[in-house]
């Protein structure tokens, strides 16, 4: 390797895995490792990667790139990845069958980024199917398989939040939003050491937290201007509708039902449907509430632009501090660094 260049800690870095790097291709960004309190460059941008360099990189515990090189990283991934997220979500294969076989198919993928993309696209496609289908029938086993595979794929020592954020679409859709919330909630649940059963149920609740919107007019949901008071009251019913839809489908786990029913409750009592306060709100619902708002702020809507992750977290910490569990918000902030 070339001479190591030391850099002061004046930049933000994102972890990546060597699996995304391609032998025989030029890497368009500097690659760093962490040594003591410094990040040091071990591969300079413009280097042609050969087998020897890849082998040495594979021996590192973690490698990093500048966060402000995320565009270069995303372009590199898009060029070399075998999965296109948008195409994968909208392909014509059977979403139920794909969800039921998600574990088997994901086991054959080695690169963490590709595993995350595959699990995300399969889960989002399943949610797209449920939201677009007539009637209110859900396939609980398909949802459980996706929830379990999300949890298992996120069980890594790497801080996956930067990888997930780079992967997510920035346009809003109810099925992508549901999948985003499930991923965020699962990461938070893992960080606070929830049991495997709790994690799967929290992730499951994230996937279906907005399923009650199937009973709300799509015109009203897509309204580009500010809602009238009576319109807002109608939309507020979706958490109770979701609770009813789950019970109707025989989904009776309390953690899932409570997560869906109470994901709009706020610690200061300003939420709905029951105006619960503080720790009376179930833990899973407190996590989902925070993840729901974060994703809503960071995706583009017809009536406003999206906020950056930093802007959204600043709003949540400074302007909405009375609404969310401060402990969970602080954990969320640390995972974005």
C-alpha atoms as a PDB file:
ATOM      1  CA  UNK A   1       0.000   0.000   0.000  1.00  0.00           C
ATOM      2  CA  UNK A   2       1.052   3.592  -0.478  1.00  0.00           C
ATOM      3  CA  UNK A   3       2.310   5.828   2.306  1.00  0.00           C
ATOM      4  CA  UNK A   4      -0.316   6.431   5.006  1.00  0.00           C
ATOM      5  CA  UNK A   5      -1.549  10.012   5.225  1.00  0.00           C
ATOM      6  CA  UNK A   6      -2.805  11.168   8.632  1.00  0.00           C
ATOM      7  CA  UNK A   7      -5.841  13.420   8.761  1.00  0.00           C
ATOM      8  CA  UNK A   8      -7.244  15.341  11.729  1.00  0.00           C
ATOM      9  CA  UNK A   9     -10.744  14.442  12.891  1.00  0.00           C
ATOM     10  CA  UNK A  10     -12.420  17.341  11.087  1.00  0.00           C
ATOM     11  CA  UNK A  11     -14.586  15.228   8.772  1.00  0.00           C
ATOM     12  CA  UNK A  12     -17.519  12.876   9.175  1.00  0.00           C
ATOM     13  CA  UNK A  13     -17.083   9.324   7.946  1.00  0.00           C
ATOM     14  CA  UNK A  14     -19.382   6.507   6.868  1.00  0.00           C
ATOM     15  CA  UNK A  15     -18.440   2.842   7.271  1.00  0.00           C
ATOM     16  CA  UNK A  16     -18.494   0.607   4.208  1.00  0.00           C
ATOM     17  CA  UNK A  17     -17.652  -3.039   3.678  1.00  0.00           C
ATOM     18  CA  UNK A  18     -14.939  -4.218   1.253  1.00  0.00           C
ATOM     19  CA  UNK A  19     -17.522  -6.450  -0.465  1.00  0.00           C
ATOM     20  CA  UNK A  20     -18.755  -3.522  -2.561  1.00  0.00           C
ATOM     21  CA  UNK A  21     -15.300  -2.939  -4.089  1.00  0.00           C
ATOM     22  CA  UNK A  22     -14.581  -4.477  -7.475  1.00  0.00           C
ATOM     23  CA  UNK A  23     -11.247  -5.951  -8.536  1.00  0.00           C
ATOM     24  CA  UNK A  24      -9.922  -4.348 -11.698  1.00  0.00           C
ATOM     25  CA  UNK A  25     -11.907  -1.113 -11.223  1.00  0.00           C
ATOM     26  CA  UNK A  26     -10.666   2.321 -10.167  1.00  0.00           C
ATOM     27  CA  UNK A  27     -12.007   3.423  -6.792  1.00  0.00           C
ATOM     28  CA  UNK A  28     -13.298   7.036  -7.078  1.00  0.00           C
ATOM     29  CA  UNK A  29     -13.035   7.948  -3.364  1.00  0.00           C
ATOM     30  CA  UNK A  30     -10.420   7.815  -0.618  1.00  0.00           C
ATOM     31  CA  UNK A  31     -10.670   4.783   1.667  1.00  0.00           C
ATOM     32  CA  UNK A  32      -9.771   5.240   5.336  1.00  0.00           C
ATOM     33  CA  UNK A  33      -9.219   3.119   8.408  1.00  0.00           C
ATOM     34  CA  UNK A  34      -9.371   4.281  12.013  1.00  0.00           C
ATOM     35  CA  UNK A  35      -6.173   4.207  14.059  1.00  0.00           C
ATOM     36  CA  UNK A  36      -6.323   5.383  17.626  1.00  0.00           C
ATOM     37  CA  UNK A  37      -7.969   8.824  17.419  1.00  0.00           C
ATOM     38  CA  UNK A  38      -7.248   9.410  13.733  1.00  0.00           C
ATOM     39  CA  UNK A  39      -8.676   8.316  10.417  1.00  0.00           C
ATOM     40  CA  UNK A  40      -5.941   7.552   7.902  1.00  0.00           C
ATOM     41  CA  UNK A  41      -6.074   7.124   4.140  1.00  0.00           C
ATOM     42  CA  UNK A  42      -4.961   3.677   3.004  1.00  0.00           C
ATOM     43  CA  UNK A  43      -6.273   3.812  -0.572  1.00  0.00           C
ATOM     44  CA  UNK A  44      -6.278   7.080  -2.517  1.00  0.00           C
ATOM     45  CA  UNK A  45      -9.044   7.967  -4.958  1.00  0.00           C
ATOM     46  CA  UNK A  46      -8.010   6.975  -8.497  1.00  0.00           C
ATOM     47  CA  UNK A  47      -6.282   3.750  -7.397  1.00  0.00           C
ATOM     48  CA  UNK A  48      -6.828   0.645  -9.506  1.00  0.00           C
ATOM     49  CA  UNK A  49      -7.880  -2.132  -7.130  1.00  0.00           C
ATOM     50  CA  UNK A  50      -6.086  -5.416  -7.627  1.00  0.00           C
ATOM     51  CA  UNK A  51      -6.437  -8.691  -5.718  1.00  0.00           C
ATOM     52  CA  UNK A  52      -3.648  -7.802  -3.293  1.00  0.00           C
ATOM     53  CA  UNK A  53      -5.277  -4.524  -2.246  1.00  0.00           C
ATOM     54  CA  UNK A  54      -8.714  -6.143  -1.877  1.00  0.00           C
ATOM     55  CA  UNK A  55      -7.195  -8.931   0.244  1.00  0.00           C
ATOM     56  CA  UNK A  56      -5.592  -6.374   2.572  1.00  0.00           C
ATOM     57  CA  UNK A  57      -8.819  -4.391   2.843  1.00  0.00           C
ATOM     58  CA  UNK A  58     -10.752  -7.536   3.713  1.00  0.00           C
ATOM     59  CA  UNK A  59      -8.529  -7.970   6.774  1.00  0.00           C
ATOM     60  CA  UNK A  60      -9.593  -4.591   8.227  1.00  0.00           C
ATOM     61  CA  UNK A  61     -12.268  -4.501  10.918  1.00  0.00           C
ATOM     62  CA  UNK A  62     -13.868  -1.471   9.270  1.00  0.00           C
ATOM     63  CA  UNK A  63     -13.105   0.850   6.404  1.00  0.00           C
ATOM     64  CA  UNK A  64     -14.554   4.336   5.897  1.00  0.00           C
ATOM     65  CA  UNK A  65     -15.231   7.042   3.307  1.00  0.00           C
ATOM     66  CA  UNK A  66     -15.967  10.740   3.782  1.00  0.00           C
ATOM     67  CA  UNK A  67     -19.678  11.371   4.200  1.00  0.00           C
ATOM     68  CA  UNK A  68     -19.375  14.210   1.700  1.00  0.00           C
ATOM     69  CA  UNK A  69     -18.279  11.593  -0.849  1.00  0.00           C
ATOM     70  CA  UNK A  70     -21.665   9.856  -0.557  1.00  0.00           C
ATOM     71  CA  UNK A  71     -22.598  10.812  -4.135  1.00  0.00           C
ATOM     72  CA  UNK A  72     -19.451   9.124  -5.456  1.00  0.00           C
ATOM     73  CA  UNK A  73     -20.158   6.095  -3.270  1.00  0.00           C
ATOM     74  CA  UNK A  74     -23.769   5.846  -4.459  1.00  0.00           C
ATOM     75  CA  UNK A  75     -22.692   6.183  -8.115  1.00  0.00           C
ATOM     76  CA  UNK A  76     -20.099   3.453  -7.590  1.00  0.00           C
ATOM     77  CA  UNK A  77     -22.692   1.184  -5.949  1.00  0.00           C
ATOM     78  CA  UNK A  78     -25.218   1.849  -8.720  1.00  0.00           C
ATOM     79  CA  UNK A  79     -22.631   1.039 -11.374  1.00  0.00           C
ATOM     80  CA  UNK A  80     -21.522  -2.232  -9.789  1.00  0.00           C
ATOM     81  CA  UNK A  81     -24.505  -3.412  -7.753  1.00  0.00           C
ATOM     82  CA  UNK A  82     -26.550  -6.340  -9.028  1.00  0.00           C
ATOM     83  CA  UNK A  83     -29.712  -4.850  -7.486  1.00  0.00           C
ATOM     84  CA  UNK A  84     -31.590  -1.742  -8.608  1.00  0.00           C
ATOM     85  CA  UNK A  85     -33.832  -0.740  -5.720  1.00  0.00           C
ATOM     86  CA  UNK A  86     -36.598   0.885  -7.728  1.00  0.00           C
ATOM     87  CA  UNK A  87     -36.744  -1.954 -10.256  1.00  0.00           C
ATOM     88  CA  UNK A  88     -36.702  -4.549  -7.480  1.00  0.00           C
ATOM     89  CA  UNK A  89     -39.663  -2.947  -5.694  1.00  0.00           C
ATOM     90  CA  UNK A  90     -41.709  -2.661  -8.878  1.00  0.00           C
ATOM     91  CA  UNK A  91     -40.913  -5.971 -10.568  1.00  0.00           C
ATOM     92  CA  UNK A  92     -43.772  -8.296 -11.503  1.00  0.00           C
ATOM     93  CA  UNK A  93     -42.851 -11.379  -9.477  1.00  0.00           C
ATOM     94  CA  UNK A  94     -45.226 -12.548  -6.754  1.00  0.00           C
ATOM     95  CA  UNK A  95     -44.567 -10.433  -3.614  1.00  0.00           C
ATOM     96  CA  UNK A  96     -46.014 -13.063  -1.263  1.00  0.00           C
ATOM     97  CA  UNK A  97     -43.817 -15.849  -2.644  1.00  0.00           C
ATOM     98  CA  UNK A  98     -40.796 -13.539  -2.610  1.00  0.00           C
ATOM     99  CA  UNK A  99     -41.433 -12.642   1.034  1.00  0.00           C
ATOM    100  CA  UNK A 100     -41.885 -16.277   2.048  1.00  0.00           C
ATOM    101  CA  UNK A 101     -38.548 -17.193   0.438  1.00  0.00           C
ATOM    102  CA  UNK A 102     -36.662 -14.079   1.590  1.00  0.00           C
ATOM    103  CA  UNK A 103     -34.409 -15.922   4.054  1.00  0.00           C
ATOM    104  CA  UNK A 104     -33.313 -18.566   1.556  1.00  0.00           C
ATOM    105  CA  UNK A 105     -32.559 -16.013  -1.171  1.00  0.00           C
ATOM    106  CA  UNK A 106     -30.811 -13.581   1.163  1.00  0.00           C
ATOM    107  CA  UNK A 107     -28.522 -16.325   2.474  1.00  0.00           C
ATOM    108  CA  UNK A 108     -26.850 -16.521  -0.948  1.00  0.00           C
ATOM    109  CA  UNK A 109     -25.904 -12.817  -0.904  1.00  0.00           C
ATOM    110  CA  UNK A 110     -22.604 -11.958   0.787  1.00  0.00           C
ATOM    111  CA  UNK A 111     -22.121  -8.174   0.597  1.00  0.00           C
ATOM    112  CA  UNK A 112     -23.913  -6.356   3.431  1.00  0.00           C
ATOM    113  CA  UNK A 113     -25.088  -3.506   1.190  1.00  0.00           C
ATOM    114  CA  UNK A 114     -26.627  -5.946  -1.288  1.00  0.00           C
ATOM    115  CA  UNK A 115     -28.265  -7.914   1.530  1.00  0.00           C
ATOM    116  CA  UNK A 116     -29.801  -4.699   2.866  1.00  0.00           C
ATOM    117  CA  UNK A 117     -31.004  -3.717  -0.612  1.00  0.00           C
ATOM    118  CA  UNK A 118     -32.525  -7.128  -1.208  1.00  0.00           C
ATOM    119  CA  UNK A 119     -34.328  -7.290   2.142  1.00  0.00           C
ATOM    120  CA  UNK A 120     -35.537  -3.705   1.773  1.00  0.00           C
ATOM    121  CA  UNK A 121     -36.866  -4.179  -1.762  1.00  0.00           C
ATOM    122  CA  UNK A 122     -38.595  -7.472  -0.913  1.00  0.00           C
ATOM    123  CA  UNK A 123     -40.266  -5.942   2.149  1.00  0.00           C
ATOM    124  CA  UNK A 124     -41.268  -2.748   0.308  1.00  0.00           C
ATOM    125  CA  UNK A 125     -42.721  -4.794  -2.553  1.00  0.00           C
ATOM    126  CA  UNK A 126     -44.808  -6.782  -0.068  1.00  0.00           C
ATOM    127  CA  UNK A 127     -46.115  -3.594   1.547  1.00  0.00           C
ATOM    128  CA  UNK A 128     -46.837  -2.097  -1.881  1.00  0.00           C
ATOM    129  CA  UNK A 129     -48.928  -5.188  -2.658  1.00  0.00           C
ATOM    130  CA  UNK A 130     -50.917  -4.895   0.579  1.00  0.00           C
ATOM    131  CA  UNK A 131     -51.564  -1.169   0.184  1.00  0.00           C
ATOM    132  CA  UNK A 132     -52.595  -1.492  -3.487  1.00  0.00           C
ATOM    133  CA  UNK A 133     -54.700  -4.641  -3.210  1.00  0.00           C
ATOM    134  CA  UNK A 134     -58.464  -4.654  -2.828  1.00  0.00           C
ATOM    135  CA  UNK A 135     -59.769  -5.677   0.562  1.00  0.00           C
ATOM    136  CA  UNK A 136     -57.902  -5.888   3.858  1.00  0.00           C
ATOM    137  CA  UNK A 137     -56.470  -9.394   3.841  1.00  0.00           C
ATOM    138  CA  UNK A 138     -52.868  -9.626   5.036  1.00  0.00           C
ATOM    139  CA  UNK A 139     -50.487 -12.559   4.922  1.00  0.00           C
ATOM    140  CA  UNK A 140     -49.088 -12.709   8.446  1.00  0.00           C
ATOM    141  CA  UNK A 141     -46.434 -15.299   7.609  1.00  0.00           C
ATOM    142  CA  UNK A 142     -45.059 -13.188   4.746  1.00  0.00           C
ATOM    143  CA  UNK A 143     -44.897 -10.184   7.083  1.00  0.00           C
ATOM    144  CA  UNK A 144     -43.205 -12.276   9.743  1.00  0.00           C
ATOM    145  CA  UNK A 145     -40.600 -13.596   7.303  1.00  0.00           C
ATOM    146  CA  UNK A 146     -39.725 -10.072   6.160  1.00  0.00           C
ATOM    147  CA  UNK A 147     -39.627  -8.758   9.746  1.00  0.00           C
ATOM    148  CA  UNK A 148     -37.362 -11.608  10.838  1.00  0.00           C
ATOM    149  CA  UNK A 149     -34.985 -11.149   7.914  1.00  0.00           C
ATOM    150  CA  UNK A 150     -34.751  -7.393   8.525  1.00  0.00           C
ATOM    151  CA  UNK A 151     -33.797  -8.110  12.140  1.00  0.00           C
ATOM    152  CA  UNK A 152     -31.276 -10.809  11.192  1.00  0.00           C
ATOM    153  CA  UNK A 153     -29.645  -8.724   8.439  1.00  0.00           C
ATOM    154  CA  UNK A 154     -29.214  -5.785  10.812  1.00  0.00           C
ATOM    155  CA  UNK A 155     -27.498  -7.998  13.428  1.00  0.00           C
ATOM    156  CA  UNK A 156     -23.983  -6.787  12.679  1.00  0.00           C
ATOM    157  CA  UNK A 157     -21.270  -4.960  14.595  1.00  0.00           C
ATOM    158  CA  UNK A 158     -21.189  -2.294  11.888  1.00  0.00           C
ATOM    159  CA  UNK A 159     -23.244   0.878  12.459  1.00  0.00           C
ATOM    160  CA  UNK A 160     -25.662   0.200   9.618  1.00  0.00           C
ATOM    161  CA  UNK A 161     -27.583   3.464   9.907  1.00  0.00           C
ATOM    162  CA  UNK A 162     -25.355   5.344   7.396  1.00  0.00           C
ATOM    163  CA  UNK A 163     -25.648   2.429   4.956  1.00  0.00           C
ATOM    164  CA  UNK A 164     -29.425   2.343   5.314  1.00  0.00           C
ATOM    165  CA  UNK A 165     -29.773   6.108   4.883  1.00  0.00           C
ATOM    166  CA  UNK A 166     -27.705   6.027   1.696  1.00  0.00           C
ATOM    167  CA  UNK A 167     -29.891   3.226   0.344  1.00  0.00           C
ATOM    168  CA  UNK A 168     -33.360   4.688   0.975  1.00  0.00           C
ATOM    169  CA  UNK A 169     -35.377   6.452  -1.749  1.00  0.00           C
ATOM    170  CA  UNK A 170     -36.018  10.127  -0.959  1.00  0.00           C
ATOM    171  CA  UNK A 171     -39.482  10.202  -2.561  1.00  0.00           C
ATOM    172  CA  UNK A 172     -42.438   9.461  -0.287  1.00  0.00           C
ATOM    173  CA  UNK A 173     -44.777   6.536  -0.790  1.00  0.00           C
ATOM    174  CA  UNK A 174     -46.768   4.868   1.962  1.00  0.00           C
ATOM    175  CA  UNK A 175     -45.185   1.459   1.323  1.00  0.00           C
ATOM    176  CA  UNK A 176     -41.617   2.805   1.272  1.00  0.00           C
ATOM    177  CA  UNK A 177     -42.356   4.902   4.353  1.00  0.00           C
ATOM    178  CA  UNK A 178     -43.612   1.786   6.156  1.00  0.00           C
ATOM    179  CA  UNK A 179     -40.453  -0.119   5.229  1.00  0.00           C
ATOM    180  CA  UNK A 180     -38.211   2.788   6.237  1.00  0.00           C
ATOM    181  CA  UNK A 181     -39.860   2.990   9.657  1.00  0.00           C
ATOM    182  CA  UNK A 182     -39.462  -0.768  10.134  1.00  0.00           C
ATOM    183  CA  UNK A 183     -35.718  -0.523   9.386  1.00  0.00           C
ATOM    184  CA  UNK A 184     -35.176   2.485  11.667  1.00  0.00           C
ATOM    185  CA  UNK A 185     -37.168   0.935  14.514  1.00  0.00           C
ATOM    186  CA  UNK A 186     -35.292  -2.359  14.204  1.00  0.00           C
ATOM    187  CA  UNK A 187     -31.938  -0.557  14.416  1.00  0.00           C
ATOM    188  CA  UNK A 188     -33.044   1.340  17.528  1.00  0.00           C
ATOM    189  CA  UNK A 189     -34.431  -1.836  19.104  1.00  0.00           C
ATOM    190  CA  UNK A 190     -31.160  -3.641  18.490  1.00  0.00           C
ATOM    191  CA  UNK A 191     -29.184  -0.772  20.035  1.00  0.00           C
ATOM    192  CA  UNK A 192     -31.210  -0.869  23.267  1.00  0.00           C
ATOM    193  CA  UNK A 193     -30.789  -4.669  23.417  1.00  0.00           C
ATOM    194  CA  UNK A 194     -34.372  -5.760  22.873  1.00  0.00           C
ATOM    195  CA  UNK A 195     -34.905  -9.522  22.805  1.00  0.00           C
ATOM    196  CA  UNK A 196     -35.139 -11.200  19.415  1.00  0.00           C
ATOM    197  CA  UNK A 197     -38.904 -11.677  19.855  1.00  0.00           C
ATOM    198  CA  UNK A 198     -39.377  -7.993  20.763  1.00  0.00           C
ATOM    199  CA  UNK A 199     -37.242  -6.928  17.789  1.00  0.00           C
ATOM    200  CA  UNK A 200     -39.241  -8.986  15.306  1.00  0.00           C
ATOM    201  CA  UNK A 201     -42.551  -7.710  16.704  1.00  0.00           C
ATOM    202  CA  UNK A 202     -41.311  -4.093  16.666  1.00  0.00           C
ATOM    203  CA  UNK A 203     -40.155  -4.464  13.054  1.00  0.00           C
ATOM    204  CA  UNK A 204     -43.440  -6.131  12.118  1.00  0.00           C
ATOM    205  CA  UNK A 205     -45.340  -3.221  13.707  1.00  0.00           C
ATOM    206  CA  UNK A 206     -43.166  -0.808  11.719  1.00  0.00           C
ATOM    207  CA  UNK A 207     -44.112  -2.489   8.444  1.00  0.00           C
ATOM    208  CA  UNK A 208     -47.864  -2.306   9.179  1.00  0.00           C
ATOM    209  CA  UNK A 209     -48.066   0.846  11.325  1.00  0.00           C
ATOM    210  CA  UNK A 210     -49.897   2.754   8.556  1.00  0.00           C
ATOM    211  CA  UNK A 211     -51.971  -0.138   7.181  1.00  0.00           C
ATOM    212  CA  UNK A 212     -55.115   1.621   8.447  1.00  0.00           C
ATOM    213  CA  UNK A 213     -54.639   4.189   5.667  1.00  0.00           C
ATOM    214  CA  UNK A 214     -56.207   1.606   3.355  1.00  0.00           C
ATOM    215  CA  UNK A 215     -59.532   2.885   4.738  1.00  0.00           C
ATOM    216  CA  UNK A 216     -58.688   6.543   4.028  1.00  0.00           C
ATOM    217  CA  UNK A 217     -59.422   8.189   0.677  1.00  0.00           C
ATOM    218  CA  UNK A 218     -56.288   8.235  -1.481  1.00  0.00           C
ATOM    219  CA  UNK A 219     -57.291  11.714  -2.667  1.00  0.00           C
ATOM    220  CA  UNK A 220     -57.295  12.959   0.913  1.00  0.00           C
ATOM    221  CA  UNK A 221     -53.977  11.250   1.705  1.00  0.00           C
ATOM    222  CA  UNK A 222     -52.366  12.838  -1.357  1.00  0.00           C
ATOM    223  CA  UNK A 223     -53.839  16.315  -0.837  1.00  0.00           C
ATOM    224  CA  UNK A 224     -51.052  18.775  -1.748  1.00  0.00           C
ATOM    225  CA  UNK A 225     -52.273  21.592   0.509  1.00  0.00           C
ATOM    226  CA  UNK A 226     -52.902  21.984   4.221  1.00  0.00           C
ATOM    227  CA  UNK A 227     -55.634  19.707   5.611  1.00  0.00           C
ATOM    228  CA  UNK A 228     -58.840  21.163   6.963  1.00  0.00           C
ATOM    229  CA  UNK A 229     -59.647  20.286  10.567  1.00  0.00           C
ATOM    230  CA  UNK A 230     -62.337  17.751   9.611  1.00  0.00           C
ATOM    231  CA  UNK A 231     -59.975  16.134   7.079  1.00  0.00           C
ATOM    232  CA  UNK A 232     -57.253  15.799   9.698  1.00  0.00           C
ATOM    233  CA  UNK A 233     -59.736  14.175  12.077  1.00  0.00           C
ATOM    234  CA  UNK A 234     -60.530  11.586   9.389  1.00  0.00           C
ATOM    235  CA  UNK A 235     -56.855  10.776   8.821  1.00  0.00           C
ATOM    236  CA  UNK A 236     -56.253  10.445  12.560  1.00  0.00           C
ATOM    237  CA  UNK A 237     -58.521   7.391  12.505  1.00  0.00           C
ATOM    238  CA  UNK A 238     -55.906   5.367  10.603  1.00  0.00           C
ATOM    239  CA  UNK A 239     -54.140   4.127  13.744  1.00  0.00           C
ATOM    240  CA  UNK A 240     -57.377   2.628  15.092  1.00  0.00           C
ATOM    241  CA  UNK A 241     -58.262   1.299  11.633  1.00  0.00           C
ATOM    242  CA  UNK A 242     -54.871  -0.411  11.472  1.00  0.00           C
ATOM    243  CA  UNK A 243     -55.464  -1.976  14.883  1.00  0.00           C
ATOM    244  CA  UNK A 244     -58.809  -3.320  13.652  1.00  0.00           C
ATOM    245  CA  UNK A 245     -57.352  -4.658  10.390  1.00  0.00           C
ATOM    246  CA  UNK A 246     -54.633  -6.554  12.253  1.00  0.00           C
ATOM    247  CA  UNK A 247     -57.120  -8.139  14.654  1.00  0.00           C
ATOM    248  CA  UNK A 248     -59.381  -9.050  11.748  1.00  0.00           C
ATOM    249  CA  UNK A 249     -56.404 -10.910  10.222  1.00  0.00           C
ATOM    250  CA  UNK A 250     -55.711 -12.804  13.432  1.00  0.00           C
ATOM    251  CA  UNK A 251     -52.607 -10.776  14.272  1.00  0.00           C
ATOM    252  CA  UNK A 252     -52.960 -10.544  18.040  1.00  0.00           C
ATOM    253  CA  UNK A 253     -49.460 -10.041  19.492  1.00  0.00           C
ATOM    254  CA  UNK A 254     -49.834  -7.156  21.997  1.00  0.00           C
ATOM    255  CA  UNK A 255     -46.533  -5.533  21.006  1.00  0.00           C
ATOM    256  CA  UNK A 256     -47.618  -5.363  17.362  1.00  0.00           C
ATOM    257  CA  UNK A 257     -51.165  -4.197  18.108  1.00  0.00           C
ATOM    258  CA  UNK A 258     -50.007  -1.536  20.581  1.00  0.00           C
ATOM    259  CA  UNK A 259     -47.287  -0.310  18.238  1.00  0.00           C
ATOM    260  CA  UNK A 260     -49.830   0.265  15.470  1.00  0.00           C
ATOM    261  CA  UNK A 261     -52.574   1.669  17.701  1.00  0.00           C
ATOM    262  CA  UNK A 262     -50.369   4.103  19.620  1.00  0.00           C
ATOM    263  CA  UNK A 263     -47.680   5.175  17.145  1.00  0.00           C
ATOM    264  CA  UNK A 264     -49.108   8.717  17.079  1.00  0.00           C
ATOM    265  CA  UNK A 265     -49.177   9.179  20.847  1.00  0.00           C
ATOM    266  CA  UNK A 266     -46.810  11.863  22.196  1.00  0.00           C
ATOM    267  CA  UNK A 267     -45.148  12.051  25.589  1.00  0.00           C
ATOM    268  CA  UNK A 268     -46.783  15.425  26.341  1.00  0.00           C
ATOM    269  CA  UNK A 269     -50.263  13.991  25.773  1.00  0.00           C
ATOM    270  CA  UNK A 270     -50.843  15.837  22.487  1.00  0.00           C
ATOM    271  CA  UNK A 271     -51.053  12.670  20.399  1.00  0.00           C
ATOM    272  CA  UNK A 272     -53.879  10.332  19.438  1.00  0.00           C
ATOM    273  CA  UNK A 273     -56.029   8.217  19.653  1.00  0.00           C
ATOM    274  CA  UNK A 274     -56.107   8.331  23.461  1.00  0.00           C
ATOM    275  CA  UNK A 275     -53.844  11.247  24.418  1.00  0.00           C
ATOM    276  CA  UNK A 276     -51.551   8.994  26.463  1.00  0.00           C
ATOM    277  CA  UNK A 277     -48.673  10.594  28.341  1.00  0.00           C
ATOM    278  CA  UNK A 278     -45.098   9.639  29.193  1.00  0.00           C
ATOM    279  CA  UNK A 279     -44.040   6.063  29.851  1.00  0.00           C
ATOM    280  CA  UNK A 280     -47.684   4.923  29.795  1.00  0.00           C
ATOM    281  CA  UNK A 281     -47.184   4.851  26.017  1.00  0.00           C
ATOM    282  CA  UNK A 282     -45.788   1.382  25.144  1.00  0.00           C
ATOM    283  CA  UNK A 283     -42.040   1.364  24.435  1.00  0.00           C
ATOM    284  CA  UNK A 284     -42.470   0.087  20.882  1.00  0.00           C
ATOM    285  CA  UNK A 285     -44.970   2.838  20.086  1.00  0.00           C
ATOM    286  CA  UNK A 286     -42.545   5.471  21.429  1.00  0.00           C
ATOM    287  CA  UNK A 287     -39.843   4.162  19.093  1.00  0.00           C
ATOM    288  CA  UNK A 288     -42.181   3.979  16.107  1.00  0.00           C
ATOM    289  CA  UNK A 289     -43.454   7.509  16.762  1.00  0.00           C
ATOM    290  CA  UNK A 290     -39.939   8.917  16.543  1.00  0.00           C
ATOM    291  CA  UNK A 291     -39.017   6.877  13.443  1.00  0.00           C
ATOM    292  CA  UNK A 292     -42.306   7.821  11.770  1.00  0.00           C
ATOM    293  CA  UNK A 293     -41.696  11.547  12.167  1.00  0.00           C
ATOM    294  CA  UNK A 294     -38.028  11.333  11.163  1.00  0.00           C
ATOM    295  CA  UNK A 295     -38.877   9.537   7.925  1.00  0.00           C
ATOM    296  CA  UNK A 296     -41.758  11.914   7.192  1.00  0.00           C
ATOM    297  CA  UNK A 297     -39.406  14.886   7.556  1.00  0.00           C
ATOM    298  CA  UNK A 298     -36.622  13.425   5.409  1.00  0.00           C
ATOM    299  CA  UNK A 299     -38.704  12.368   2.385  1.00  0.00           C
ATOM    300  CA  UNK A 300     -39.989  14.677  -0.331  1.00  0.00           C
ATOM    301  CA  UNK A 301     -43.669  15.545  -0.224  1.00  0.00           C
ATOM    302  CA  UNK A 302     -45.889  17.310  -2.740  1.00  0.00           C
ATOM    303  CA  UNK A 303     -46.247  20.311  -0.405  1.00  0.00           C
ATOM    304  CA  UNK A 304     -42.628  20.721   0.735  1.00  0.00           C
ATOM    305  CA  UNK A 305     -39.040  19.693   0.130  1.00  0.00           C
ATOM    306  CA  UNK A 306     -37.355  17.074   2.288  1.00  0.00           C
ATOM    307  CA  UNK A 307     -35.179  17.969   5.248  1.00  0.00           C
ATOM    308  CA  UNK A 308     -31.684  16.571   5.637  1.00  0.00           C
ATOM    309  CA  UNK A 309     -31.136  14.058   8.430  1.00  0.00           C
ATOM    310  CA  UNK A 310     -29.342  16.755  10.441  1.00  0.00           C
ATOM    311  CA  UNK A 311     -32.198  19.236   9.971  1.00  0.00           C
ATOM    312  CA  UNK A 312     -34.833  16.633  10.883  1.00  0.00           C
ATOM    313  CA  UNK A 313     -32.980  15.560  14.038  1.00  0.00           C
ATOM    314  CA  UNK A 314     -32.479  19.211  15.023  1.00  0.00           C
ATOM    315  CA  UNK A 315     -36.216  19.855  14.668  1.00  0.00           C
ATOM    316  CA  UNK A 316     -37.061  16.752  16.686  1.00  0.00           C
ATOM    317  CA  UNK A 317     -34.533  17.568  19.425  1.00  0.00           C
ATOM    318  CA  UNK A 318     -35.197  21.295  19.726  1.00  0.00           C
ATOM    319  CA  UNK A 319     -38.766  21.897  18.560  1.00  0.00           C
ATOM    320  CA  UNK A 320     -40.468  18.583  19.378  1.00  0.00           C
ATOM    321  CA  UNK A 321     -38.546  17.580  22.496  1.00  0.00           C
ATOM    322  CA  UNK A 322     -41.717  17.310  24.601  1.00  0.00           C
ATOM    323  CA  UNK A 323     -43.232  14.786  22.192  1.00  0.00           C
ATOM    324  CA  UNK A 324     -40.572  12.078  22.005  1.00  0.00           C
ATOM    325  CA  UNK A 325     -38.639   9.898  24.425  1.00  0.00           C
ATOM    326  CA  UNK A 326     -35.378  11.839  24.790  1.00  0.00           C
ATOM    327  CA  UNK A 327     -33.376   8.656  25.365  1.00  0.00           C
ATOM    328  CA  UNK A 328     -34.406   7.206  22.013  1.00  0.00           C
ATOM    329  CA  UNK A 329     -33.848  10.498  20.176  1.00  0.00           C
ATOM    330  CA  UNK A 330     -30.315  10.775  21.596  1.00  0.00           C
ATOM    331  CA  UNK A 331     -29.555   7.204  20.492  1.00  0.00           C
ATOM    332  CA  UNK A 332     -30.892   8.028  17.038  1.00  0.00           C
ATOM    333  CA  UNK A 333     -28.676  11.127  16.829  1.00  0.00           C
ATOM    334  CA  UNK A 334     -25.534   9.206  17.848  1.00  0.00           C
ATOM    335  CA  UNK A 335     -26.176   6.633  15.125  1.00  0.00           C
ATOM    336  CA  UNK A 336     -26.118   9.343  12.460  1.00  0.00           C
ATOM    337  CA  UNK A 337     -22.612  10.515  13.350  1.00  0.00           C
END
